Every structure is written in structure tokens, then in C-alpha cells.
Amino acid sequence: MSDTRDPDLTTYRDVQLSPDFTELRRRFRRFVFPMTALFLVWYFVYVLLADYAHGFMSHKIGGSNITVALIFGLLQFVSTFAITLIYVRWADRKLDPDAAKLRHQIEGAQQ
């Protein structure tokens, strides 16, 4: 067997161990983990209120058939879309330029 290493694998490993990739991953995690935790807390508060605060959640808003539970349920959808929009804008500014630079380093090394 020869002792040669796969150049593609070496390039990916080198990029993965590079400070630029480490910083990119750190920046991603600093945004995604807190945002995920925030959304999960919001979701579980909604679920717990629906299960244990029937009086509060069944309270009608403005004398119509719209309840607090319905409003909170709709806000779950709104918050999901808002988080997605915030992430896309953030990634466009903070992640994509550095990710493109790393991709160029990998693809340039393969050619």
C-alpha cells in the first residue's frame, strides 16, 4: 500500500482545522443556539399555558370568539417566520462572505 493521502480529504481537513472555519462555526453557534433556546422556551410556555392555564388561554379577546390561545398559536407561526427572516439577513451579512471565501479556498485547491 502506498502512503499517499487523498488531496481532497486533506484540503477539507485543513479547512476544518483552520482558524477561519473555527471562527465561522463559532459565529454560527453564537447566533443559532440562543435563538433556538429562545424559541423553545416560547413554544414550551405556550404548551404549558395551554395545558395548565385553561382560564387564561380561553379568555376571549374583545368579546369575539378569538381567544388568547388562538392569538398565542398564531404568534408561534409569526415567530417562526420572523426567526427565519432574521437568520437569513444575519447569515447574508455575517456568514456568507466568509463561507464563500472558504469555499473558494477549497475549490481553488482542487483545480
PDB file of N, CA and C in Angstrom:
ATOM      1  N   MET A   1       0.834  -1.194   0.000  1.00  0.00           N
ATOM      2  CA  MET A   1       0.000   0.000   0.000  1.00  0.00           C
ATOM      3  C   MET A   1       0.870   1.246   0.000  1.00  0.00           C
ATOM      4  N   SER A   2       0.455   2.216  -0.733  1.00  0.00           N
ATOM      5  CA  SER A   2       1.203   3.471  -0.759  1.00  0.00           C
ATOM      6  C   SER A   2       0.784   4.351   0.410  1.00  0.00           C
ATOM      7  N   ASP A   3       1.620   5.295   0.745  1.00  0.00           N
ATOM      8  CA  ASP A   3       1.381   6.174   1.887  1.00  0.00           C
ATOM      9  C   ASP A   3       0.811   7.521   1.453  1.00  0.00           C
ATOM     10  N   THR A   4       0.288   7.606   0.242  1.00  0.00           N
ATOM     11  CA  THR A   4      -0.243   8.881  -0.240  1.00  0.00           C
ATOM     12  C   THR A   4      -1.599   9.147   0.385  1.00  0.00           C
ATOM     13  N   ARG A   5      -1.861  10.402   0.627  1.00  0.00           N
ATOM     14  CA  ARG A   5      -3.131  10.826   1.214  1.00  0.00           C
ATOM     15  C   ARG A   5      -4.007  11.424   0.131  1.00  0.00           C
ATOM     16  N   ASP A   6      -5.289  11.287   0.310  1.00  0.00           N
ATOM     17  CA  ASP A   6      -6.248  11.856  -0.633  1.00  0.00           C
ATOM     18  C   ASP A   6      -6.182  13.378  -0.533  1.00  0.00           C
ATOM     19  N   PRO A   7      -5.831  14.078  -1.620  1.00  0.00           N
ATOM     20  CA  PRO A   7      -5.690  15.548  -1.529  1.00  0.00           C
ATOM     21  C   PRO A   7      -6.993  16.246  -1.165  1.00  0.00           C
ATOM     22  N   ASP A   8      -8.133  15.717  -1.664  1.00  0.00           N
ATOM     23  CA  ASP A   8      -9.406  16.347  -1.318  1.00  0.00           C
ATOM     24  C   ASP A   8      -9.670  16.260   0.176  1.00  0.00           C
ATOM     25  N   LEU A   9      -9.426  15.093   0.748  1.00  0.00           N
ATOM     26  CA  LEU A   9      -9.653  14.904   2.171  1.00  0.00           C
ATOM     27  C   LEU A   9      -8.723  15.793   2.988  1.00  0.00           C
ATOM     28  N   THR A  10      -7.489  15.912   2.544  1.00  0.00           N
ATOM     29  CA  THR A  10      -6.532  16.768   3.246  1.00  0.00           C
ATOM     30  C   THR A  10      -6.985  18.221   3.196  1.00  0.00           C
ATOM     31  N   THR A  11      -7.477  18.669   2.052  1.00  0.00           N
ATOM     32  CA  THR A  11      -7.937  20.050   1.930  1.00  0.00           C
ATOM     33  C   THR A  11      -9.098  20.317   2.878  1.00  0.00           C
ATOM     34  N   TYR A  12     -10.077  19.427   2.895  1.00  0.00           N
ATOM     35  CA  TYR A  12     -11.220  19.612   3.793  1.00  0.00           C
ATOM     36  C   TYR A  12     -10.790  19.583   5.256  1.00  0.00           C
ATOM     37  N   ARG A  13      -9.892  18.680   5.582  1.00  0.00           N
ATOM     38  CA  ARG A  13      -9.411  18.598   6.959  1.00  0.00           C
ATOM     39  C   ARG A  13      -8.654  19.860   7.323  1.00  0.00           C
ATOM     40  N   ASP A  14      -7.845  20.344   6.401  1.00  0.00           N
ATOM     41  CA  ASP A  14      -7.088  21.581   6.657  1.00  0.00           C
ATOM     42  C   ASP A  14      -8.030  22.759   6.879  1.00  0.00           C
ATOM     43  N   VAL A  15      -9.063  22.851   6.055  1.00  0.00           N
ATOM     44  CA  VAL A  15     -10.035  23.944   6.211  1.00  0.00           C
ATOM     45  C   VAL A  15     -10.776  23.797   7.529  1.00  0.00           C
ATOM     46  N   GLN A  16     -11.185  22.579   7.854  1.00  0.00           N
ATOM     47  CA  GLN A  16     -11.922  22.360   9.100  1.00  0.00           C
ATOM     48  C   GLN A  16     -11.083  22.747  10.321  1.00  0.00           C
ATOM     49  N   LEU A  17      -9.792  22.561  10.246  1.00  0.00           N
ATOM     50  CA  LEU A  17      -8.918  22.890  11.373  1.00  0.00           C
ATOM     51  C   LEU A  17      -8.413  24.331  11.332  1.00  0.00           C
ATOM     52  N   SER A  18      -8.758  25.059  10.289  1.00  0.00           N
ATOM     53  CA  SER A  18      -8.261  26.426  10.139  1.00  0.00           C
ATOM     54  C   SER A  18      -8.956  27.378  11.107  1.00  0.00           C
ATOM     55  N   PRO A  19      -8.269  28.451  11.502  1.00  0.00           N
ATOM     56  CA  PRO A  19      -8.882  29.455  12.374  1.00  0.00           C
ATOM     57  C   PRO A  19     -10.097  30.130  11.739  1.00  0.00           C
ATOM     58  N   ASP A  20     -10.076  30.309  10.418  1.00  0.00           N
ATOM     59  CA  ASP A  20     -11.219  30.935   9.740  1.00  0.00           C
ATOM     60  C   ASP A  20     -12.481  30.087   9.885  1.00  0.00           C
ATOM     61  N   PHE A  21     -12.346  28.779   9.699  1.00  0.00           N
ATOM     62  CA  PHE A  21     -13.503  27.896   9.824  1.00  0.00           C
ATOM     63  C   PHE A  21     -13.972  27.835  11.270  1.00  0.00           C
ATOM     64  N   THR A  22     -13.038  27.792  12.191  1.00  0.00           N
ATOM     65  CA  THR A  22     -13.382  27.778  13.618  1.00  0.00           C
ATOM     66  C   THR A  22     -14.165  29.028  13.993  1.00  0.00           C
ATOM     67  N   GLU A  23     -13.740  30.174  13.488  1.00  0.00           N
ATOM     68  CA  GLU A  23     -14.445  31.439  13.757  1.00  0.00           C
ATOM     69  C   GLU A  23     -15.827  31.436  13.117  1.00  0.00           C
ATOM     70  N   LEU A  24     -15.927  30.924  11.905  1.00  0.00           N
ATOM     71  CA  LEU A  24     -17.214  30.848  11.217  1.00  0.00           C
ATOM     72  C   LEU A  24     -18.186  29.960  11.995  1.00  0.00           C
ATOM     73  N   ARG A  25     -17.711  28.834  12.453  1.00  0.00           N
ATOM     74  CA  ARG A  25     -18.547  27.920  13.241  1.00  0.00           C
ATOM     75  C   ARG A  25     -18.942  28.550  14.582  1.00  0.00           C
ATOM     76  N   ARG A  26     -18.013  29.252  15.217  1.00  0.00           N
ATOM     77  CA  ARG A  26     -18.304  29.922  16.488  1.00  0.00           C
ATOM     78  C   ARG A  26     -19.384  30.986  16.300  1.00  0.00           C
ATOM     79  N   ARG A  27     -19.246  31.777  15.242  1.00  0.00           N
ATOM     80  CA  ARG A  27     -20.223  32.828  14.960  1.00  0.00           C
ATOM     81  C   ARG A  27     -21.607  32.231  14.698  1.00  0.00           C
ATOM     82  N   PHE A  28     -21.650  31.140  13.943  1.00  0.00           N
ATOM     83  CA  PHE A  28     -22.913  30.452  13.663  1.00  0.00           C
ATOM     84  C   PHE A  28     -23.559  29.972  14.951  1.00  0.00           C
ATOM     85  N   ARG A  29     -22.786  29.328  15.798  1.00  0.00           N
ATOM     86  CA  ARG A  29     -23.320  28.780  17.051  1.00  0.00           C
ATOM     87  C   ARG A  29     -23.770  29.880  18.004  1.00  0.00           C
ATOM     88  N   ARG A  30     -23.056  30.993  18.023  1.00  0.00           N
ATOM     89  CA  ARG A  30     -23.442  32.100  18.912  1.00  0.00           C
ATOM     90  C   ARG A  30     -24.782  32.701  18.522  1.00  0.00           C
ATOM     91  N   PHE A  31     -25.185  32.546  17.288  1.00  0.00           N
ATOM     92  CA  PHE A  31     -26.498  33.024  16.858  1.00  0.00           C
ATOM     93  C   PHE A  31     -27.557  31.934  17.006  1.00  0.00           C
ATOM     94  N   VAL A  32     -27.264  30.757  16.499  1.00  0.00           N
ATOM     95  CA  VAL A  32     -28.273  29.709  16.388  1.00  0.00           C
ATOM     96  C   VAL A  32     -28.668  29.131  17.741  1.00  0.00           C
ATOM     97  N   PHE A  33     -27.730  28.844  18.607  1.00  0.00           N
ATOM     98  CA  PHE A  33     -28.083  28.214  19.881  1.00  0.00           C
ATOM     99  C   PHE A  33     -28.969  29.103  20.752  1.00  0.00           C
ATOM    100  N   PRO A  34     -28.623  30.373  20.967  1.00  0.00           N
ATOM    101  CA  PRO A  34     -29.526  31.219  21.764  1.00  0.00           C
ATOM    102  C   PRO A  34     -30.892  31.412  21.101  1.00  0.00           C
ATOM    103  N   MET A  35     -30.922  31.565  19.777  1.00  0.00           N
ATOM    104  CA  MET A  35     -32.193  31.748  19.087  1.00  0.00           C
ATOM    105  C   MET A  35     -33.058  30.493  19.213  1.00  0.00           C
ATOM    106  N   THR A  36     -32.443  29.341  19.101  1.00  0.00           N
ATOM    107  CA  THR A  36     -33.173  28.084  19.264  1.00  0.00           C
ATOM    108  C   THR A  36     -33.699  27.960  20.689  1.00  0.00           C
ATOM    109  N   ALA A  37     -32.874  28.281  21.669  1.00  0.00           N
ATOM    110  CA  ALA A  37     -33.310  28.210  23.070  1.00  0.00           C
ATOM    111  C   ALA A  37     -34.473  29.166  23.322  1.00  0.00           C
ATOM    112  N   LEU A  38     -34.377  30.365  22.789  1.00  0.00           N
ATOM    113  CA  LEU A  38     -35.442  31.345  22.958  1.00  0.00           C
ATOM    114  C   LEU A  38     -36.754  30.841  22.352  1.00  0.00           C
ATOM    115  N   PHE A  39     -36.676  30.297  21.153  1.00  0.00           N
ATOM    116  CA  PHE A  39     -37.888  29.788  20.516  1.00  0.00           C
ATOM    117  C   PHE A  39     -38.465  28.605  21.299  1.00  0.00           C
ATOM    118  N   LEU A  40     -37.619  27.707  21.765  1.00  0.00           N
ATOM    119  CA  LEU A  40     -38.117  26.552  22.515  1.00  0.00           C
ATOM    120  C   LEU A  40     -38.777  26.969  23.827  1.00  0.00           C
ATOM    121  N   VAL A  41     -38.194  27.959  24.492  1.00  0.00           N
ATOM    122  CA  VAL A  41     -38.822  28.466  25.720  1.00  0.00           C
ATOM    123  C   VAL A  41     -40.194  29.043  25.385  1.00  0.00           C
ATOM    124  N   TRP A  42     -40.274  29.845  24.344  1.00  0.00           N
ATOM    125  CA  TRP A  42     -41.544  30.439  23.913  1.00  0.00           C
ATOM    126  C   TRP A  42     -42.552  29.335  23.582  1.00  0.00           C
ATOM    127  N   TYR A  43     -42.114  28.299  22.874  1.00  0.00           N
ATOM    128  CA  TYR A  43     -43.005  27.206  22.497  1.00  0.00           C
ATOM    129  C   TYR A  43     -43.496  26.448  23.732  1.00  0.00           C
ATOM    130  N   PHE A  44     -42.588  26.108  24.647  1.00  0.00           N
ATOM    131  CA  PHE A  44     -42.996  25.347  25.827  1.00  0.00           C
ATOM    132  C   PHE A  44     -43.858  26.171  26.782  1.00  0.00           C
ATOM    133  N   VAL A  45     -43.645  27.477  26.840  1.00  0.00           N
ATOM    134  CA  VAL A  45     -44.542  28.332  27.623  1.00  0.00           C
ATOM    135  C   VAL A  45     -45.952  28.251  27.044  1.00  0.00           C
ATOM    136  N   TYR A  46     -46.055  28.291  25.730  1.00  0.00           N
ATOM    137  CA  TYR A  46     -47.356  28.166  25.071  1.00  0.00           C
ATOM    138  C   TYR A  46     -48.003  26.818  25.398  1.00  0.00           C
ATOM    139  N   VAL A  47     -47.246  25.748  25.283  1.00  0.00           N
ATOM    140  CA  VAL A  47     -47.785  24.409  25.559  1.00  0.00           C
ATOM    141  C   VAL A  47     -48.202  24.296  27.028  1.00  0.00           C
ATOM    142  N   LEU A  48     -47.366  24.766  27.932  1.00  0.00           N
ATOM    143  CA  LEU A  48     -47.693  24.677  29.363  1.00  0.00           C
ATOM    144  C   LEU A  48     -48.901  25.531  29.714  1.00  0.00           C
ATOM    145  N   LEU A  49     -48.993  26.715  29.145  1.00  0.00           N
ATOM    146  CA  LEU A  49     -50.170  27.549  29.383  1.00  0.00           C
ATOM    147  C   LEU A  49     -51.430  26.873  28.843  1.00  0.00           C
ATOM    148  N   ALA A  50     -51.315  26.264  27.677  1.00  0.00           N
ATOM    149  CA  ALA A  50     -52.473  25.580  27.097  1.00  0.00           C
ATOM    150  C   ALA A  50     -52.917  24.413  27.969  1.00  0.00           C
ATOM    151  N   ASP A  51     -51.969  23.773  28.625  1.00  0.00           N
ATOM    152  CA  ASP A  51     -52.311  22.609  29.442  1.00  0.00           C
ATOM    153  C   ASP A  51     -52.741  22.984  30.862  1.00  0.00           C
ATOM    154  N   TYR A  52     -52.114  23.994  31.442  1.00  0.00           N
ATOM    155  CA  TYR A  52     -52.347  24.278  32.859  1.00  0.00           C
ATOM    156  C   TYR A  52     -53.065  25.601  33.148  1.00  0.00           C
ATOM    157  N   ALA A  53     -53.234  26.460  32.176  1.00  0.00           N
ATOM    158  CA  ALA A  53     -53.883  27.750  32.420  1.00  0.00           C
ATOM    159  C   ALA A  53     -55.104  27.887  31.508  1.00  0.00           C
ATOM    160  N   HIS A  54     -56.037  26.967  31.670  1.00  0.00           N
ATOM    161  CA  HIS A  54     -57.222  26.945  30.802  1.00  0.00           C
ATOM    162  C   HIS A  54     -58.008  28.260  30.870  1.00  0.00           C
ATOM    163  N   GLY A  55     -58.157  28.786  32.059  1.00  0.00           N
ATOM    164  CA  GLY A  55     -58.914  30.027  32.206  1.00  0.00           C
ATOM    165  C   GLY A  55     -58.284  31.179  31.450  1.00  0.00           C
ATOM    166  N   PHE A  56     -56.974  31.302  31.578  1.00  0.00           N
ATOM    167  CA  PHE A  56     -56.265  32.377  30.881  1.00  0.00           C
ATOM    168  C   PHE A  56     -56.316  32.182  29.365  1.00  0.00           C
ATOM    169  N   MET A  57     -56.034  30.967  28.926  1.00  0.00           N
ATOM    170  CA  MET A  57     -55.956  30.704  27.489  1.00  0.00           C
ATOM    171  C   MET A  57     -57.331  30.761  26.810  1.00  0.00           C
ATOM    172  N   SER A  58     -58.397  30.496  27.574  1.00  0.00           N
ATOM    173  CA  SER A  58     -59.730  30.537  26.971  1.00  0.00           C
ATOM    174  C   SER A  58     -60.386  31.913  27.081  1.00  0.00           C
ATOM    175  N   HIS A  59     -59.659  32.866  27.649  1.00  0.00           N
ATOM    176  CA  HIS A  59     -60.169  34.231  27.771  1.00  0.00           C
ATOM    177  C   HIS A  59     -60.401  34.820  26.385  1.00  0.00           C
ATOM    178  N   LYS A  60     -61.612  35.325  26.156  1.00  0.00           N
ATOM    179  CA  LYS A  60     -61.954  35.887  24.846  1.00  0.00           C
ATOM    180  C   LYS A  60     -61.466  37.326  24.755  1.00  0.00           C
ATOM    181  N   ILE A  61     -60.975  37.658  23.580  1.00  0.00           N
ATOM    182  CA  ILE A  61     -60.433  38.993  23.306  1.00  0.00           C
ATOM    183  C   ILE A  61     -61.518  39.820  22.622  1.00  0.00           C
ATOM    184  N   GLY A  62     -61.852  40.933  23.189  1.00  0.00           N
ATOM    185  CA  GLY A  62     -62.795  41.860  22.573  1.00  0.00           C
ATOM    186  C   GLY A  62     -64.203  41.315  22.381  1.00  0.00           C
ATOM    187  N   GLY A  63     -64.606  40.353  23.170  1.00  0.00           N
ATOM    188  CA  GLY A  63     -65.967  39.842  23.083  1.00  0.00           C
ATOM    189  C   GLY A  63     -66.232  38.959  21.877  1.00  0.00           C
ATOM    190  N   SER A  64     -65.203  38.611  21.125  1.00  0.00           N
ATOM    191  CA  SER A  64     -65.397  37.753  19.950  1.00  0.00           C
ATOM    192  C   SER A  64     -64.990  36.318  20.291  1.00  0.00           C
ATOM    193  N   ASN A  65     -64.975  35.474  19.313  1.00  0.00           N
ATOM    194  CA  ASN A  65     -64.558  34.083  19.524  1.00  0.00           C
ATOM    195  C   ASN A  65     -63.051  33.898  19.453  1.00  0.00           C
ATOM    196  N   ILE A  66     -62.328  34.974  19.390  1.00  0.00           N
ATOM    197  CA  ILE A  66     -60.867  34.901  19.367  1.00  0.00           C
ATOM    198  C   ILE A  66     -60.369  34.856  20.806  1.00  0.00           C
ATOM    199  N   THR A  67     -59.600  33.816  21.121  1.00  0.00           N
ATOM    200  CA  THR A  67     -59.099  33.628  22.480  1.00  0.00           C
ATOM    201  C   THR A  67     -57.603  33.912  22.545  1.00  0.00           C
ATOM    202  N   VAL A  68     -57.105  33.987  23.778  1.00  0.00           N
ATOM    203  CA  VAL A  68     -55.670  34.167  23.998  1.00  0.00           C
ATOM    204  C   VAL A  68     -54.910  32.992  23.389  1.00  0.00           C
ATOM    205  N   ALA A  69     -55.461  31.791  23.520  1.00  0.00           N
ATOM    206  CA  ALA A  69     -54.801  30.602  22.957  1.00  0.00           C
ATOM    207  C   ALA A  69     -54.651  30.723  21.445  1.00  0.00           C
ATOM    208  N   LEU A  70     -55.674  31.204  20.773  1.00  0.00           N
ATOM    209  CA  LEU A  70     -55.603  31.368  19.328  1.00  0.00           C
ATOM    210  C   LEU A  70     -54.542  32.399  18.952  1.00  0.00           C
ATOM    211  N   ILE A  71     -54.511  33.504  19.671  1.00  0.00           N
ATOM    212  CA  ILE A  71     -53.506  34.546  19.408  1.00  0.00           C
ATOM    213  C   ILE A  71     -52.107  33.985  19.619  1.00  0.00           C
ATOM    214  N   PHE A  72     -51.889  33.284  20.742  1.00  0.00           N
ATOM    215  CA  PHE A  72     -50.569  32.705  21.025  1.00  0.00           C
ATOM    216  C   PHE A  72     -50.198  31.661  19.969  1.00  0.00           C
ATOM    217  N   GLY A  73     -51.170  30.875  19.535  1.00  0.00           N
ATOM    218  CA  GLY A  73     -50.912  29.883  18.497  1.00  0.00           C
ATOM    219  C   GLY A  73     -50.495  30.526  17.190  1.00  0.00           C
ATOM    220  N   LEU A  74     -51.184  31.580  16.810  1.00  0.00           N
ATOM    221  CA  LEU A  74     -50.806  32.297  15.590  1.00  0.00           C
ATOM    222  C   LEU A  74     -49.435  32.973  15.731  1.00  0.00           C
ATOM    223  N   LEU A  75     -49.145  33.439  16.938  1.00  0.00           N
ATOM    224  CA  LEU A  75     -47.841  34.056  17.171  1.00  0.00           C
ATOM    225  C   LEU A  75     -46.703  33.039  17.061  1.00  0.00           C
ATOM    226  N   GLN A  76     -47.000  31.754  17.278  1.00  0.00           N
ATOM    227  CA  GLN A  76     -45.987  30.725  17.055  1.00  0.00           C
ATOM    228  C   GLN A  76     -45.545  30.728  15.588  1.00  0.00           C
ATOM    229  N   PHE A  77     -46.518  30.821  14.685  1.00  0.00           N
ATOM    230  CA  PHE A  77     -46.194  30.871  13.260  1.00  0.00           C
ATOM    231  C   PHE A  77     -45.441  32.155  12.919  1.00  0.00           C
ATOM    232  N   VAL A  78     -45.924  33.261  13.450  1.00  0.00           N
ATOM    233  CA  VAL A  78     -45.278  34.548  13.183  1.00  0.00           C
ATOM    234  C   VAL A  78     -43.835  34.528  13.672  1.00  0.00           C
ATOM    235  N   SER A  79     -43.614  33.999  14.870  1.00  0.00           N
ATOM    236  CA  SER A  79     -42.250  33.968  15.401  1.00  0.00           C
ATOM    237  C   SER A  79     -41.354  33.049  14.579  1.00  0.00           C
ATOM    238  N   THR A  80     -41.882  31.956  14.069  1.00  0.00           N
ATOM    239  CA  THR A  80     -41.087  31.061  13.210  1.00  0.00           C
ATOM    240  C   THR A  80     -40.635  31.793  11.951  1.00  0.00           C
ATOM    241  N   PHE A  81     -41.547  32.486  11.299  1.00  0.00           N
ATOM    242  CA  PHE A  81     -41.183  33.233  10.097  1.00  0.00           C
ATOM    243  C   PHE A  81     -40.231  34.386  10.429  1.00  0.00           C
ATOM    244  N   ALA A  82     -40.439  35.038  11.556  1.00  0.00           N
ATOM    245  CA  ALA A  82     -39.559  36.137  11.950  1.00  0.00           C
ATOM    246  C   ALA A  82     -38.138  35.632  12.212  1.00  0.00           C
ATOM    247  N   ILE A  83     -38.020  34.515  12.905  1.00  0.00           N
ATOM    248  CA  ILE A  83     -36.692  33.947  13.176  1.00  0.00           C
ATOM    249  C   ILE A  83     -36.007  33.575  11.868  1.00  0.00           C
ATOM    250  N   THR A  84     -36.759  32.996  10.951  1.00  0.00           N
ATOM    251  CA  THR A  84     -36.181  32.638   9.652  1.00  0.00           C
ATOM    252  C   THR A  84     -35.693  33.876   8.916  1.00  0.00           C
ATOM    253  N   LEU A  85     -36.496  34.910   8.888  1.00  0.00           N
ATOM    254  CA  LEU A  85     -36.120  36.154   8.218  1.00  0.00           C
ATOM    255  C   LEU A  85     -34.888  36.782   8.876  1.00  0.00           C
ATOM    256  N   ILE A  86     -34.876  36.816  10.198  1.00  0.00           N
ATOM    257  CA  ILE A  86     -33.728  37.379  10.921  1.00  0.00           C
ATOM    258  C   ILE A  86     -32.465  36.573  10.614  1.00  0.00           C
ATOM    259  N   TYR A  87     -32.580  35.244  10.626  1.00  0.00           N
ATOM    260  CA  TYR A  87     -31.410  34.410  10.350  1.00  0.00           C
ATOM    261  C   TYR A  87     -30.887  34.622   8.930  1.00  0.00           C
ATOM    262  N   VAL A  88     -31.771  34.658   7.962  1.00  0.00           N
ATOM    263  CA  VAL A  88     -31.337  34.825   6.567  1.00  0.00           C
ATOM    264  C   VAL A  88     -30.606  36.149   6.398  1.00  0.00           C
ATOM    265  N   ARG A  89     -31.147  37.207   6.942  1.00  0.00           N
ATOM    266  CA  ARG A  89     -30.478  38.517   6.832  1.00  0.00           C
ATOM    267  C   ARG A  89     -29.142  38.519   7.554  1.00  0.00           C
ATOM    268  N   TRP A  90     -29.109  37.906   8.739  1.00  0.00           N
ATOM    269  CA  TRP A  90     -27.877  37.837   9.515  1.00  0.00           C
ATOM    270  C   TRP A  90     -26.827  37.013   8.779  1.00  0.00           C
ATOM    271  N   ALA A  91     -27.222  35.868   8.248  1.00  0.00           N
ATOM    272  CA  ALA A  91     -26.283  34.995   7.540  1.00  0.00           C
ATOM    273  C   ALA A  91     -25.749  35.672   6.276  1.00  0.00           C
ATOM    274  N   ASP A  92     -26.605  36.394   5.589  1.00  0.00           N
ATOM    275  CA  ASP A  92     -26.159  37.114   4.388  1.00  0.00           C
ATOM    276  C   ASP A  92     -25.027  38.092   4.713  1.00  0.00           C
ATOM    277  N   ARG A  93     -25.119  38.721   5.873  1.00  0.00           N
ATOM    278  CA  ARG A  93     -24.107  39.720   6.260  1.00  0.00           C
ATOM    279  C   ARG A  93     -22.908  39.112   6.972  1.00  0.00           C
ATOM    280  N   LYS A  94     -23.149  38.164   7.874  1.00  0.00           N
ATOM    281  CA  LYS A  94     -22.104  37.709   8.788  1.00  0.00           C
ATOM    282  C   LYS A  94     -21.465  36.374   8.427  1.00  0.00           C
ATOM    283  N   LEU A  95     -22.180  35.492   7.761  1.00  0.00           N
ATOM    284  CA  LEU A  95     -21.641  34.163   7.474  1.00  0.00           C
ATOM    285  C   LEU A  95     -21.262  33.949   6.020  1.00  0.00           C
ATOM    286  N   ASP A  96     -22.129  34.344   5.128  1.00  0.00           N
ATOM    287  CA  ASP A  96     -21.947  34.006   3.719  1.00  0.00           C
ATOM    288  C   ASP A  96     -20.642  34.518   3.108  1.00  0.00           C
ATOM    289  N   PRO A  97     -20.213  35.736   3.392  1.00  0.00           N
ATOM    290  CA  PRO A  97     -18.944  36.183   2.797  1.00  0.00           C
ATOM    291  C   PRO A  97     -17.753  35.315   3.217  1.00  0.00           C
ATOM    292  N   ASP A  98     -17.682  34.972   4.499  1.00  0.00           N
ATOM    293  CA  ASP A  98     -16.581  34.131   4.974  1.00  0.00           C
ATOM    294  C   ASP A  98     -16.720  32.695   4.477  1.00  0.00           C
ATOM    295  N   ALA A  99     -17.946  32.203   4.396  1.00  0.00           N
ATOM    296  CA  ALA A  99     -18.166  30.858   3.862  1.00  0.00           C
ATOM    297  C   ALA A  99     -17.771  30.798   2.391  1.00  0.00           C
ATOM    298  N   ALA A 100     -18.063  31.843   1.645  1.00  0.00           N
ATOM    299  CA  ALA A 100     -17.671  31.890   0.233  1.00  0.00           C
ATOM    300  C   ALA A 100     -16.155  31.899   0.092  1.00  0.00           C
ATOM    301  N   LYS A 101     -15.489  32.606   0.981  1.00  0.00           N
ATOM    302  CA  LYS A 101     -14.021  32.643   0.952  1.00  0.00           C
ATOM    303  C   LYS A 101     -13.449  31.246   1.216  1.00  0.00           C
ATOM    304  N   LEU A 102     -13.999  30.552   2.199  1.00  0.00           N
ATOM    305  CA  LEU A 102     -13.537  29.194   2.483  1.00  0.00           C
ATOM    306  C   LEU A 102     -13.837  28.249   1.328  1.00  0.00           C
ATOM    307  N   ARG A 103     -15.005  28.382   0.743  1.00  0.00           N
ATOM    308  CA  ARG A 103     -15.360  27.544  -0.399  1.00  0.00           C
ATOM    309  C   ARG A 103     -14.389  27.783  -1.549  1.00  0.00           C
ATOM    310  N   HIS A 104     -14.027  29.031  -1.769  1.00  0.00           N
ATOM    311  CA  HIS A 104     -13.061  29.345  -2.827  1.00  0.00           C
ATOM    312  C   HIS A 104     -11.703  28.708  -2.527  1.00  0.00           C
ATOM    313  N   GLN A 105     -11.299  28.724  -1.273  1.00  0.00           N
ATOM    314  CA  GLN A 105     -10.032  28.087  -0.902  1.00  0.00           C
ATOM    315  C   GLN A 105     -10.078  26.594  -1.208  1.00  0.00           C
ATOM    316  N   ILE A 106     -11.186  25.952  -0.898  1.00  0.00           N
ATOM    317  CA  ILE A 106     -11.303  24.504  -1.141  1.00  0.00           C
ATOM    318  C   ILE A 106     -11.360  24.223  -2.628  1.00  0.00           C
ATOM    319  N   GLU A 107     -12.214  24.909  -3.329  1.00  0.00           N
ATOM    320  CA  GLU A 107     -12.369  24.659  -4.756  1.00  0.00           C
ATOM    321  C   GLU A 107     -11.130  25.066  -5.539  1.00  0.00           C
ATOM    322  N   GLY A 108     -10.471  26.113  -5.102  1.00  0.00           N
ATOM    323  CA  GLY A 108      -9.248  26.530  -5.772  1.00  0.00           C
ATOM    324  C   GLY A 108      -8.137  25.524  -5.578  1.00  0.00           C
ATOM    325  N   ALA A 109      -8.103  24.894  -4.423  1.00  0.00           N
ATOM    326  CA  ALA A 109      -7.068  23.891  -4.150  1.00  0.00           C
ATOM    327  C   ALA A 109      -7.309  22.600  -4.933  1.00  0.00           C
ATOM    328  N   GLN A 110      -8.549  22.345  -5.329  1.00  0.00           N
ATOM    329  CA  GLN A 110      -8.862  21.117  -6.053  1.00  0.00           C
ATOM    330  C   GLN A 110      -8.539  21.225  -7.528  1.00  0.00           C
ATOM    331  N   GLN A 111      -8.484  22.415  -8.057  1.00  0.00           N
ATOM    332  CA  GLN A 111      -8.295  22.578  -9.504  1.00  0.00           C
ATOM    333  C   GLN A 111      -6.856  22.468  -9.903  1.00  0.00           C
TER     334      GLN A 111
END
